[in-house]
Amino acid sequence: MELKEFLYKAKKAAIDYETTDSESDEFSIRKGELDYVHKNIGGRVVETVSHKKLVVWTMASHPAILTEDINKKIFYVFLRRALNKMPCESPLRGPDFFRDSEWEYTNHLWGKVDRSFDGVERVTFDNLEIFSNPYKGGIIR
């Protein structure tokens, strides 16, 4: 199975786990000789893909809710909807843009999933930025 296809399926499976308010958990999935692990440790996130137990790809991010004046349950419902629109050609986060009423999601990606990349996703509510998640990663050689 190709890396992008495996990442797409694994990250789709991780969306419900990922869009909660938990600060210390782990999610993993295996398909053949590939393993995906998503670790959330104190608000920092590290994702890895291993082939035959050797890490071949990684992504690190630091998601942050920027205000306490937001209903987190509603926020996570919106984030889950945005992440479910993740494009299969770049299965890292959500689409470039998604909007629902006053909620807006943007994702800016530089680089390639199967090389190296940097990105940042943001959520605004009523034009106020309430969430930011810079991320980076790529292939490990």
C-alpha atoms as a PDB file:
ATOM      1  CA  MET A   1       0.000   0.000   0.000  1.00  0.00           C
ATOM      2  CA  GLU A   2       1.309   3.451  -0.935  1.00  0.00           C
ATOM      3  CA  LEU A   3       2.132   5.937   1.868  1.00  0.00           C
ATOM      4  CA  LYS A   4      -0.509   8.514   0.836  1.00  0.00           C
ATOM      5  CA  GLU A   5      -3.265   5.909   0.655  1.00  0.00           C
ATOM      6  CA  PHE A   6      -2.298   4.458   4.050  1.00  0.00           C
ATOM      7  CA  LEU A   7      -2.062   7.928   5.638  1.00  0.00           C
ATOM      8  CA  TYR A   8      -5.449   8.912   4.244  1.00  0.00           C
ATOM      9  CA  LYS A   9      -7.147   5.827   5.699  1.00  0.00           C
ATOM     10  CA  ALA A  10      -5.300   6.016   9.029  1.00  0.00           C
ATOM     11  CA  LYS A  11      -5.892   9.735   9.530  1.00  0.00           C
ATOM     12  CA  LYS A  12      -9.584   9.360   8.612  1.00  0.00           C
ATOM     13  CA  ALA A  13      -9.840   6.701  11.322  1.00  0.00           C
ATOM     14  CA  ALA A  14      -8.089   9.033  13.789  1.00  0.00           C
ATOM     15  CA  ILE A  15     -10.373  12.056  13.265  1.00  0.00           C
ATOM     16  CA  ASP A  16     -12.876  11.194  15.994  1.00  0.00           C
ATOM     17  CA  TYR A  17     -10.051  10.508  18.447  1.00  0.00           C
ATOM     18  CA  GLU A  18      -8.220  13.667  17.449  1.00  0.00           C
ATOM     19  CA  THR A  19     -11.136  16.075  17.737  1.00  0.00           C
ATOM     20  CA  THR A  20     -11.592  15.822  21.474  1.00  0.00           C
ATOM     21  CA  ASP A  21     -10.268  17.880  24.342  1.00  0.00           C
ATOM     22  CA  SER A  22      -7.901  15.136  25.526  1.00  0.00           C
ATOM     23  CA  GLU A  23      -4.305  16.128  26.286  1.00  0.00           C
ATOM     24  CA  SER A  24      -2.659  12.734  26.782  1.00  0.00           C
ATOM     25  CA  ASP A  25      -3.680   9.853  24.573  1.00  0.00           C
ATOM     26  CA  GLU A  26      -2.557   7.605  21.769  1.00  0.00           C
ATOM     27  CA  PHE A  27      -4.298   6.210  18.707  1.00  0.00           C
ATOM     28  CA  SER A  28      -2.796   3.556  16.424  1.00  0.00           C
ATOM     29  CA  ILE A  29      -3.795   1.508  13.419  1.00  0.00           C
ATOM     30  CA  ARG A  30      -2.037  -1.235  11.451  1.00  0.00           C
ATOM     31  CA  LYS A  31      -2.439  -2.369   7.862  1.00  0.00           C
ATOM     32  CA  GLY A  32      -0.093  -5.106   6.696  1.00  0.00           C
ATOM     33  CA  GLU A  33       3.461  -4.027   7.517  1.00  0.00           C
ATOM     34  CA  LEU A  34       2.500  -0.365   8.067  1.00  0.00           C
ATOM     35  CA  ASP A  35       1.726   1.146  11.469  1.00  0.00           C
ATOM     36  CA  TYR A  36       0.305   4.610  12.139  1.00  0.00           C
ATOM     37  CA  VAL A  37       0.606   6.114  15.620  1.00  0.00           C
ATOM     38  CA  HIS A  38      -0.897   9.438  16.710  1.00  0.00           C
ATOM     39  CA  LYS A  39       0.308  10.613  20.132  1.00  0.00           C
ATOM     40  CA  ASN A  40      -1.098  13.631  21.941  1.00  0.00           C
ATOM     41  CA  ILE A  41       1.142  14.547  24.859  1.00  0.00           C
ATOM     42  CA  GLY A  42       0.278  17.669  26.794  1.00  0.00           C
ATOM     43  CA  GLY A  43      -1.064  19.483  23.749  1.00  0.00           C
ATOM     44  CA  ARG A  44       1.762  18.519  21.392  1.00  0.00           C
ATOM     45  CA  VAL A  45       1.022  15.980  18.675  1.00  0.00           C
ATOM     46  CA  VAL A  46       3.427  13.536  17.039  1.00  0.00           C
ATOM     47  CA  GLU A  47       2.319  11.205  14.259  1.00  0.00           C
ATOM     48  CA  THR A  48       4.461   8.450  12.783  1.00  0.00           C
ATOM     49  CA  VAL A  49       4.223   5.798  10.106  1.00  0.00           C
ATOM     50  CA  SER A  50       6.453   2.748  10.488  1.00  0.00           C
ATOM     51  CA  HIS A  51       7.247   0.038   7.987  1.00  0.00           C
ATOM     52  CA  LYS A  52       8.348  -3.202   9.609  1.00  0.00           C
ATOM     53  CA  LYS A  53       8.725  -1.297  12.906  1.00  0.00           C
ATOM     54  CA  LEU A  54      11.113   1.277  11.371  1.00  0.00           C
ATOM     55  CA  VAL A  55       9.763   4.862  11.379  1.00  0.00           C
ATOM     56  CA  VAL A  56       9.664   6.128   7.784  1.00  0.00           C
ATOM     57  CA  TRP A  57       7.423   9.226   8.072  1.00  0.00           C
ATOM     58  CA  THR A  58       6.571  11.706  10.799  1.00  0.00           C
ATOM     59  CA  MET A  59       4.555  14.833  11.450  1.00  0.00           C
ATOM     60  CA  ALA A  60       4.639  17.085  14.502  1.00  0.00           C
ATOM     61  CA  SER A  61       2.149  19.798  15.383  1.00  0.00           C
ATOM     62  CA  HIS A  62       1.213  22.134  18.190  1.00  0.00           C
ATOM     63  CA  PRO A  63      -2.537  22.789  18.117  1.00  0.00           C
ATOM     64  CA  ALA A  64      -3.773  25.656  20.285  1.00  0.00           C
ATOM     65  CA  ILE A  65      -7.195  27.028  21.105  1.00  0.00           C
ATOM     66  CA  LEU A  66      -6.526  30.760  21.373  1.00  0.00           C
ATOM     67  CA  THR A  67      -9.483  31.814  23.505  1.00  0.00           C
ATOM     68  CA  GLU A  68     -11.489  30.465  26.404  1.00  0.00           C
ATOM     69  CA  ASP A  69     -14.587  32.258  25.109  1.00  0.00           C
ATOM     70  CA  ILE A  70     -15.644  29.457  22.781  1.00  0.00           C
ATOM     71  CA  ASN A  71     -17.870  26.440  23.188  1.00  0.00           C
ATOM     72  CA  LYS A  72     -15.287  23.644  22.787  1.00  0.00           C
ATOM     73  CA  LYS A  73     -17.919  21.020  22.012  1.00  0.00           C
ATOM     74  CA  ILE A  74     -19.209  23.059  19.046  1.00  0.00           C
ATOM     75  CA  PHE A  75     -15.645  23.884  17.992  1.00  0.00           C
ATOM     76  CA  TYR A  76     -14.647  20.195  17.873  1.00  0.00           C
ATOM     77  CA  VAL A  77     -17.780  19.319  15.881  1.00  0.00           C
ATOM     78  CA  PHE A  78     -16.796  21.965  13.300  1.00  0.00           C
ATOM     79  CA  LEU A  79     -13.125  20.857  13.263  1.00  0.00           C
ATOM     80  CA  ARG A  80     -14.189  17.230  12.766  1.00  0.00           C
ATOM     81  CA  ARG A  81     -16.348  18.273   9.785  1.00  0.00           C
ATOM     82  CA  ALA A  82     -13.424  20.202   8.255  1.00  0.00           C
ATOM     83  CA  LEU A  83     -10.928  17.354   8.785  1.00  0.00           C
ATOM     84  CA  ASN A  84     -13.350  14.878   7.218  1.00  0.00           C
ATOM     85  CA  LYS A  85     -12.903  16.866   3.988  1.00  0.00           C
ATOM     86  CA  MET A  86      -9.178  16.034   3.974  1.00  0.00           C
ATOM     87  CA  PRO A  87      -7.945  15.696   0.370  1.00  0.00           C
ATOM     88  CA  CYS A  88      -6.567  12.244  -0.557  1.00  0.00           C
ATOM     89  CA  GLU A  89      -3.679  13.787  -2.516  1.00  0.00           C
ATOM     90  CA  SER A  90      -2.354  15.518   0.634  1.00  0.00           C
ATOM     91  CA  PRO A  91      -3.667  13.588   3.652  1.00  0.00           C
ATOM     92  CA  LEU A  92      -2.231  15.768   6.389  1.00  0.00           C
ATOM     93  CA  ARG A  93      -5.029  17.979   7.698  1.00  0.00           C
ATOM     94  CA  GLY A  94      -8.246  19.369   6.214  1.00  0.00           C
ATOM     95  CA  PRO A  95      -8.964  21.091   2.895  1.00  0.00           C
ATOM     96  CA  ASP A  96      -7.538  24.455   1.867  1.00  0.00           C
ATOM     97  CA  PHE A  97     -10.815  26.115   2.866  1.00  0.00           C
ATOM     98  CA  PHE A  98     -14.081  25.118   4.532  1.00  0.00           C
ATOM     99  CA  ARG A  99     -16.851  27.383   5.793  1.00  0.00           C
ATOM    100  CA  ASP A 100     -20.057  26.790   7.717  1.00  0.00           C
ATOM    101  CA  SER A 101     -21.964  29.880   8.783  1.00  0.00           C
ATOM    102  CA  GLU A 102     -19.638  32.007  10.988  1.00  0.00           C
ATOM    103  CA  TRP A 103     -17.067  29.197  11.222  1.00  0.00           C
ATOM    104  CA  GLU A 104     -14.159  29.161   8.779  1.00  0.00           C
ATOM    105  CA  TYR A 105     -11.310  26.666   8.416  1.00  0.00           C
ATOM    106  CA  THR A 106      -8.149  27.307   6.377  1.00  0.00           C
ATOM    107  CA  ASN A 107      -5.140  25.094   5.777  1.00  0.00           C
ATOM    108  CA  HIS A 108      -1.947  26.314   4.113  1.00  0.00           C
ATOM    109  CA  LEU A 109       0.540  23.625   3.083  1.00  0.00           C
ATOM    110  CA  TRP A 110       4.023  24.074   1.661  1.00  0.00           C
ATOM    111  CA  GLY A 111       5.848  21.005   0.365  1.00  0.00           C
ATOM    112  CA  LYS A 112       4.821  17.408  -0.283  1.00  0.00           C
ATOM    113  CA  VAL A 113       3.463  14.640   1.934  1.00  0.00           C
ATOM    114  CA  ASP A 114       5.991  12.158   0.594  1.00  0.00           C
ATOM    115  CA  ARG A 115       8.975  14.526   0.925  1.00  0.00           C
ATOM    116  CA  SER A 116       9.038  17.323   3.500  1.00  0.00           C
ATOM    117  CA  PHE A 117       6.342  19.850   4.364  1.00  0.00           C
ATOM    118  CA  ASP A 118       5.289  22.710   6.627  1.00  0.00           C
ATOM    119  CA  GLY A 119       1.778  23.937   7.156  1.00  0.00           C
ATOM    120  CA  VAL A 120      -0.631  25.789   9.380  1.00  0.00           C
ATOM    121  CA  GLU A 121      -4.326  25.325   9.860  1.00  0.00           C
ATOM    122  CA  ARG A 122      -6.564  27.951  11.417  1.00  0.00           C
ATOM    123  CA  VAL A 123     -10.161  28.223  12.542  1.00  0.00           C
ATOM    124  CA  THR A 124     -11.980  31.517  12.859  1.00  0.00           C
ATOM    125  CA  PHE A 125     -15.379  32.195  14.345  1.00  0.00           C
ATOM    126  CA  ASP A 126     -17.102  35.410  13.311  1.00  0.00           C
ATOM    127  CA  ASN A 127     -13.737  36.595  11.845  1.00  0.00           C
ATOM    128  CA  LEU A 128     -11.870  36.039  15.146  1.00  0.00           C
ATOM    129  CA  GLU A 129      -9.032  33.482  15.025  1.00  0.00           C
ATOM    130  CA  ILE A 130      -9.739  30.933  17.741  1.00  0.00           C
ATOM    131  CA  PHE A 131      -7.487  28.026  16.757  1.00  0.00           C
ATOM    132  CA  SER A 132      -4.050  27.657  15.190  1.00  0.00           C
ATOM    133  CA  ASN A 133      -2.085  24.507  14.459  1.00  0.00           C
ATOM    134  CA  PRO A 134       1.361  24.791  12.863  1.00  0.00           C
ATOM    135  CA  TYR A 135       2.697  21.448  11.630  1.00  0.00           C
ATOM    136  CA  LYS A 136       5.725  20.018   9.838  1.00  0.00           C
ATOM    137  CA  GLY A 137       7.196  16.701   8.867  1.00  0.00           C
ATOM    138  CA  GLY A 138       8.000  14.342   6.043  1.00  0.00           C
ATOM    139  CA  ILE A 139       9.902  11.242   5.044  1.00  0.00           C
ATOM    140  CA  ILE A 140      12.686   9.949   7.283  1.00  0.00           C
ATOM    141  CA  ARG A 141      15.576   8.457   5.358  1.00  0.00           C
END
